[in-house]
Amino acid sequence: MTDVLYFNGRFTNTGERVLGVEDRGFQFGDAIYEVFKFLGRQPIFLLDHFHRMERSLEQLEIRCPWTEEAFEATIRELLDRTAFDDGIVYVQVSRGESLRAHFWPEQAEPTAVAYSRSFKFPDAAKKERGIKVITTRDIRWSSCEIKSVNLLGNAIAKKKAQRAGADEAIFLADDQTVREGASSSFFAVRSGRIVTHPLDEHILPGVVRDRVIGLALAAKIRVDERPLREAELFDLDEAFITSTTQGVMPVTEIDDRVIANSRRGEVTTELQRLFDDLECGGSPPL
């Protein structure tokens, strides 16, 4: 099955092979990406994702191929051409195609692609049941705030989790600091207070992470952005992850140890409700 594909200014489908063998995204991982959700063909938090993409591109000195208005128009047309109502859009921008060399040309023309894809989001039962996670050593590079396509460390961690019968892997630094999930942000809850890793070069500034923190603060739930140690993981009242595809998802087991009697906690339940309302029209989704 093919999906609608945008490639450097034109629309085609994913059945067409469009990427050159010397594209730097393919050969060097010299590219960034974004993934956002759409419901009823309406993009969720689109401009949040665009602005994060701009920041990543700026840090890598790659020219952004869109203005804010042009990006929104491109995505609107992509979704108008899409045959299904709900799913995700994957966007990738590389430095472009050039003769293979570590030094990139100063005037490189970026390669921009975007495609829509159907996705099965968690249902109410899974949102209540929650997920199991494992911990694993963080072997990624030291600029995780850039949403780079260099995801080998993440992929290795996710496969390790799958083989352990878990849904996600949580990265631990060498000093046992808890960072984030392989494809999610991680939150701990104790005595009604949320703890999560502060924004720095070790974690991605998650779009859903930021929205959920805002919702928590508006609901008078205290949020401490501070380093969390591995030993603290097993003395929690609740834990949850956030991501574009998972929303707010309870964590009920960490390394085969049960959290809070394997039940979704009150803070997580309230944030799920608030976030689901936000996604479904509680405020402008762009």
Protein backbone atom coordinates (compact mmCIF):
# COMPACT_ATOMS: atom_id res chain seq x y z
CA MET A 1 0.00 0.00 0.00
CA THR A 2 1.34 3.44 -0.90
CA ASP A 3 0.82 6.68 1.02
CA VAL A 4 0.80 10.29 -0.13
CA LEU A 5 4.34 11.68 -0.34
CA TYR A 6 5.61 15.25 -0.61
CA PHE A 7 9.09 15.51 -2.13
CA ASN A 8 10.88 18.81 -2.76
CA GLY A 9 7.83 20.77 -3.83
CA ARG A 10 5.73 18.13 -5.55
CA PHE A 11 3.28 15.42 -4.51
CA THR A 12 3.60 11.78 -5.45
CA ASN A 13 3.30 8.58 -3.39
CA THR A 14 5.64 6.38 -1.40
CA GLY A 15 5.74 3.87 -4.22
CA GLU A 16 8.05 6.23 -6.14
CA ARG A 17 11.74 5.98 -5.22
CA VAL A 18 12.89 9.58 -4.93
CA LEU A 19 16.02 9.73 -2.75
CA GLY A 20 19.43 9.96 -4.39
CA VAL A 21 22.14 7.56 -3.21
CA GLU A 22 24.40 10.49 -2.28
CA ASP A 23 21.86 12.32 -0.17
CA ARG A 24 23.67 13.24 3.05
CA GLY A 25 20.75 12.09 5.15
CA PHE A 26 21.25 8.59 3.74
CA GLN A 27 25.04 8.50 3.93
CA PHE A 28 25.82 10.60 7.02
CA GLY A 29 22.57 10.82 8.97
CA ASP A 30 22.87 14.53 8.18
CA ALA A 31 19.16 15.23 8.64
CA ILE A 32 16.40 15.95 11.13
CA TYR A 33 12.83 14.70 11.33
CA GLU A 34 9.47 15.39 12.94
CA VAL A 35 6.41 13.22 13.55
CA PHE A 36 3.03 14.67 14.38
CA LYS A 37 -0.46 13.32 14.77
CA PHE A 38 -3.60 14.20 12.85
CA LEU A 39 -7.22 13.51 13.79
CA GLY A 40 -10.06 14.08 11.35
CA ARG A 41 -7.32 15.27 8.96
CA GLN A 42 -6.51 18.09 11.37
CA PRO A 43 -2.85 18.30 12.41
CA ILE A 44 -2.20 18.33 16.16
CA PHE A 45 0.30 20.88 17.54
CA LEU A 46 1.59 21.51 14.03
CA LEU A 47 3.35 24.78 14.75
CA ASP A 48 5.02 23.36 17.87
CA HIS A 49 6.57 20.70 15.65
CA PHE A 50 7.53 23.24 12.99
CA HIS A 51 9.32 25.47 15.49
CA ARG A 52 11.21 22.51 16.97
CA MET A 53 12.19 21.50 13.43
CA GLU A 54 13.47 25.04 12.79
CA ARG A 55 15.60 24.92 15.94
CA SER A 56 17.12 21.55 15.01
CA LEU A 57 17.90 22.71 11.48
CA GLU A 58 19.48 25.91 12.77
CA GLN A 59 21.74 23.95 15.13
CA LEU A 60 22.90 21.77 12.23
CA GLU A 61 23.23 24.76 9.86
CA ILE A 62 20.72 23.30 7.42
CA ARG A 63 18.47 25.79 5.64
CA CYS A 64 14.80 25.35 6.49
CA PRO A 65 12.93 24.72 3.20
CA TRP A 66 9.68 26.29 4.44
CA THR A 67 8.36 29.39 6.09
CA GLU A 68 5.77 28.77 8.79
CA GLU A 69 2.98 29.62 6.35
CA ALA A 70 4.40 27.46 3.55
CA PHE A 71 4.84 24.51 5.90
CA GLU A 72 1.25 24.74 7.09
CA ALA A 73 0.02 24.97 3.48
CA THR A 74 2.10 21.94 2.47
CA ILE A 75 0.75 19.84 5.32
CA ARG A 76 -2.82 20.96 4.66
CA GLU A 77 -2.53 19.83 1.05
CA LEU A 78 -0.85 16.57 2.08
CA LEU A 79 -3.74 15.78 4.42
CA ASP A 80 -6.33 16.82 1.83
CA ARG A 81 -4.79 14.21 -0.49
CA THR A 82 -4.71 11.55 2.25
CA ALA A 83 -7.34 8.79 2.05
CA PHE A 84 -7.83 8.29 5.81
CA ASP A 85 -8.84 10.63 8.63
CA ASP A 86 -6.47 9.72 11.48
CA GLY A 87 -2.78 8.95 11.50
CA ILE A 88 0.69 10.48 11.59
CA VAL A 89 2.79 12.61 9.27
CA TYR A 90 6.52 11.99 9.04
CA VAL A 91 8.67 14.95 7.93
CA GLN A 92 12.39 14.76 7.16
CA VAL A 93 14.83 17.42 6.00
CA SER A 94 18.39 16.51 5.06
CA ARG A 95 21.26 18.77 4.06
CA GLY A 96 20.74 17.52 0.53
CA GLU A 97 22.59 15.60 -2.15
CA SER A 98 26.25 16.15 -3.00
CA LEU A 99 29.41 14.23 -3.86
CA ARG A 100 30.19 12.07 -0.83
CA ALA A 101 32.64 13.86 1.45
CA HIS A 102 32.67 14.68 5.13
CA PHE A 103 32.87 18.40 4.33
CA TRP A 104 29.47 19.57 3.15
CA PRO A 105 29.04 22.25 0.46
CA GLU A 106 28.15 25.64 1.95
CA GLN A 107 25.28 26.18 -0.50
CA ALA A 108 23.72 22.73 -0.22
CA GLU A 109 20.07 22.50 -1.28
CA PRO A 110 18.10 20.62 1.38
CA THR A 111 15.99 17.56 0.62
CA ALA A 112 12.50 17.80 2.13
CA VAL A 113 10.05 14.91 2.34
CA ALA A 114 6.77 14.37 4.17
CA TYR A 115 4.26 11.54 4.07
CA SER A 116 1.09 10.54 5.85
CA ARG A 117 0.56 7.12 7.34
CA SER A 118 -2.30 5.36 9.09
CA PHE A 119 -1.58 4.64 12.75
CA LYS A 120 -3.43 2.74 15.48
CA PHE A 121 -3.36 4.92 18.57
CA PRO A 122 -3.83 3.44 22.06
CA ASP A 123 -7.44 2.71 22.98
CA ALA A 124 -9.08 3.40 26.35
CA ALA A 125 -8.20 -0.05 27.68
CA LYS A 126 -4.49 0.38 27.01
CA LYS A 127 -4.53 3.91 28.43
CA GLU A 128 -5.88 2.45 31.65
CA ARG A 129 -3.75 -0.71 31.63
CA GLY A 130 -0.48 1.06 30.94
CA ILE A 131 2.84 -0.34 29.79
CA LYS A 132 5.97 -2.09 31.02
CA VAL A 133 9.39 -0.51 30.56
CA ILE A 134 13.01 -1.49 31.11
CA THR A 135 16.04 0.65 31.85
CA THR A 136 19.14 0.61 29.70
CA ARG A 137 22.45 2.47 29.43
CA ASP A 138 22.30 5.61 27.32
CA ILE A 139 24.64 5.07 24.36
CA ARG A 140 23.39 7.96 22.23
CA TRP A 141 25.37 10.98 21.10
CA SER A 142 25.63 14.08 23.30
CA SER A 143 23.22 16.39 21.43
CA CYS A 144 19.89 14.68 22.03
CA GLU A 145 18.08 18.02 22.00
CA ILE A 146 18.43 17.93 18.20
CA LYS A 147 15.80 15.71 16.60
CA SER A 148 18.32 14.01 14.36
CA VAL A 149 17.65 10.91 12.26
CA ASN A 150 20.63 9.27 14.03
CA LEU A 151 18.49 6.84 16.01
CA LEU A 152 20.62 3.70 16.17
CA GLY A 153 21.00 3.94 19.95
CA ASN A 154 17.24 4.40 20.27
CA ALA A 155 16.52 1.48 17.96
CA ILE A 156 18.86 -0.83 19.89
CA ALA A 157 17.14 0.16 23.14
CA LYS A 158 13.65 -0.40 21.69
CA LYS A 159 14.63 -3.85 20.43
CA LYS A 160 16.05 -4.71 23.84
CA ALA A 161 12.73 -3.69 25.40
CA GLN A 162 10.74 -5.75 22.90
CA ARG A 163 12.83 -8.85 23.60
CA ALA A 164 12.22 -8.33 27.33
CA GLY A 165 8.45 -8.20 26.79
CA ALA A 166 8.33 -4.46 27.47
CA ASP A 167 6.98 -1.52 25.49
CA GLU A 168 9.68 1.08 26.07
CA ALA A 169 13.27 1.52 27.27
CA ILE A 170 14.26 4.31 29.64
CA PHE A 171 17.80 5.64 29.25
CA LEU A 172 20.15 5.83 32.23
CA ALA A 173 23.31 7.92 32.21
CA ASP A 174 26.57 6.45 33.51
CA ASP A 175 25.90 8.20 36.85
CA GLN A 176 22.44 6.47 36.97
CA THR A 177 20.51 9.64 36.15
CA VAL A 178 17.17 8.81 34.53
CA ARG A 179 16.89 10.66 31.23
CA GLU A 180 14.04 9.79 28.86
CA GLY A 181 12.53 6.97 26.86
CA ALA A 182 13.88 5.72 23.56
CA SER A 183 10.87 7.32 21.87
CA SER A 184 9.19 9.18 24.71
CA SER A 185 9.58 11.55 27.65
CA PHE A 186 9.55 10.03 31.14
CA PHE A 187 7.76 11.33 34.25
CA ALA A 188 7.77 10.09 37.84
CA VAL A 189 5.11 10.96 40.43
CA ARG A 190 5.59 10.92 44.19
CA SER A 191 3.31 12.48 46.81
CA GLY A 192 1.33 14.19 44.07
CA ARG A 193 4.44 15.87 42.67
CA ILE A 194 5.82 15.25 39.16
CA VAL A 195 9.55 14.87 38.54
CA THR A 196 11.10 14.86 35.06
CA HIS A 197 14.55 15.49 33.59
CA PRO A 198 15.25 19.18 32.87
CA LEU A 199 15.65 20.38 29.31
CA ASP A 200 19.29 20.17 28.27
CA GLU A 201 21.41 18.40 25.66
CA HIS A 202 20.59 14.97 27.11
CA ILE A 203 16.87 14.89 26.22
CA LEU A 204 14.58 15.90 23.40
CA PRO A 205 12.26 18.86 24.08
CA GLY A 206 9.13 16.81 23.50
CA VAL A 207 6.11 18.64 22.12
CA VAL A 208 3.72 16.52 24.19
CA ARG A 209 6.08 16.78 27.18
CA ASP A 210 5.82 20.56 27.13
CA ARG A 211 2.04 20.52 26.71
CA VAL A 212 1.57 18.08 29.58
CA ILE A 213 3.80 20.14 31.89
CA GLY A 214 1.68 23.16 31.03
CA LEU A 215 -1.50 21.26 31.79
CA ALA A 216 -0.08 20.03 35.09
CA LEU A 217 0.90 23.51 36.21
CA ALA A 218 -2.50 24.90 35.21
CA ALA A 219 -4.10 22.16 37.32
CA LYS A 220 -1.92 23.19 40.32
CA ILE A 221 0.16 20.00 40.12
CA ARG A 222 3.76 20.72 41.07
CA VAL A 223 6.40 19.82 38.47
CA ASP A 224 10.06 19.52 39.43
CA GLU A 225 12.41 19.49 36.44
CA ARG A 226 15.42 17.92 38.10
CA PRO A 227 17.67 14.88 37.70
CA LEU A 228 16.02 11.67 38.91
CA ARG A 229 18.21 8.79 40.09
CA GLU A 230 17.69 5.14 39.22
CA ALA A 231 17.18 4.24 42.88
CA GLU A 232 14.18 6.57 43.01
CA LEU A 233 12.38 4.61 40.28
CA PHE A 234 11.32 1.91 42.68
CA ASP A 235 9.82 4.22 45.30
CA LEU A 236 7.20 5.94 43.15
CA ASP A 237 3.48 6.42 43.46
CA GLU A 238 3.06 6.65 39.69
CA ALA A 239 5.02 6.92 36.47
CA PHE A 240 4.09 7.74 32.89
CA ILE A 241 5.56 8.52 29.51
CA THR A 242 4.45 11.02 26.89
CA SER A 243 4.85 11.04 23.12
CA THR A 244 3.03 12.03 19.95
CA THR A 245 1.68 8.54 19.33
CA GLN A 246 1.13 7.44 22.95
CA GLY A 247 -0.18 10.66 24.47
CA VAL A 248 -0.03 10.24 28.26
CA MET A 249 0.64 6.56 28.96
CA PRO A 250 0.88 5.03 32.47
CA VAL A 251 3.96 2.97 33.34
CA THR A 252 3.03 0.07 35.62
CA GLU A 253 6.27 -1.94 35.66
CA ILE A 254 9.93 -0.93 35.50
CA ASP A 255 12.48 -3.73 35.10
CA ASP A 256 9.82 -6.24 36.20
CA ARG A 257 9.10 -4.30 39.40
CA VAL A 258 5.47 -3.24 39.82
CA ILE A 259 4.71 0.47 40.28
CA ALA A 260 1.73 1.44 42.45
CA ASN A 261 0.11 -2.00 42.46
CA SER A 262 0.15 -1.94 38.66
CA ARG A 263 -2.68 0.59 38.55
CA ARG A 264 -3.00 3.92 36.79
CA GLY A 265 -2.59 6.68 39.38
CA GLU A 266 -4.71 9.75 40.03
CA VAL A 267 -2.24 12.27 38.62
CA THR A 268 -1.73 10.25 35.44
CA THR A 269 -5.48 9.77 35.02
CA GLU A 270 -6.14 13.50 35.37
CA LEU A 271 -3.38 14.42 32.91
CA GLN A 272 -4.69 11.85 30.42
CA ARG A 273 -8.12 13.46 30.63
CA LEU A 274 -6.79 16.98 30.22
CA PHE A 275 -4.51 16.03 27.35
CA ASP A 276 -7.17 14.05 25.50
CA ASP A 277 -9.50 17.06 25.78
CA LEU A 278 -6.73 19.30 24.43
CA GLU A 279 -6.09 17.05 21.43
CA CYS A 280 -9.80 16.77 20.65
CA GLY A 281 -10.40 20.50 20.53
CA GLY A 282 -10.03 21.91 24.01
CA SER A 283 -7.78 24.57 22.47
CA PRO A 284 -6.45 25.27 18.97
CA PRO A 285 -4.43 22.16 17.88
CA LEU A 286 -1.96 24.06 15.69
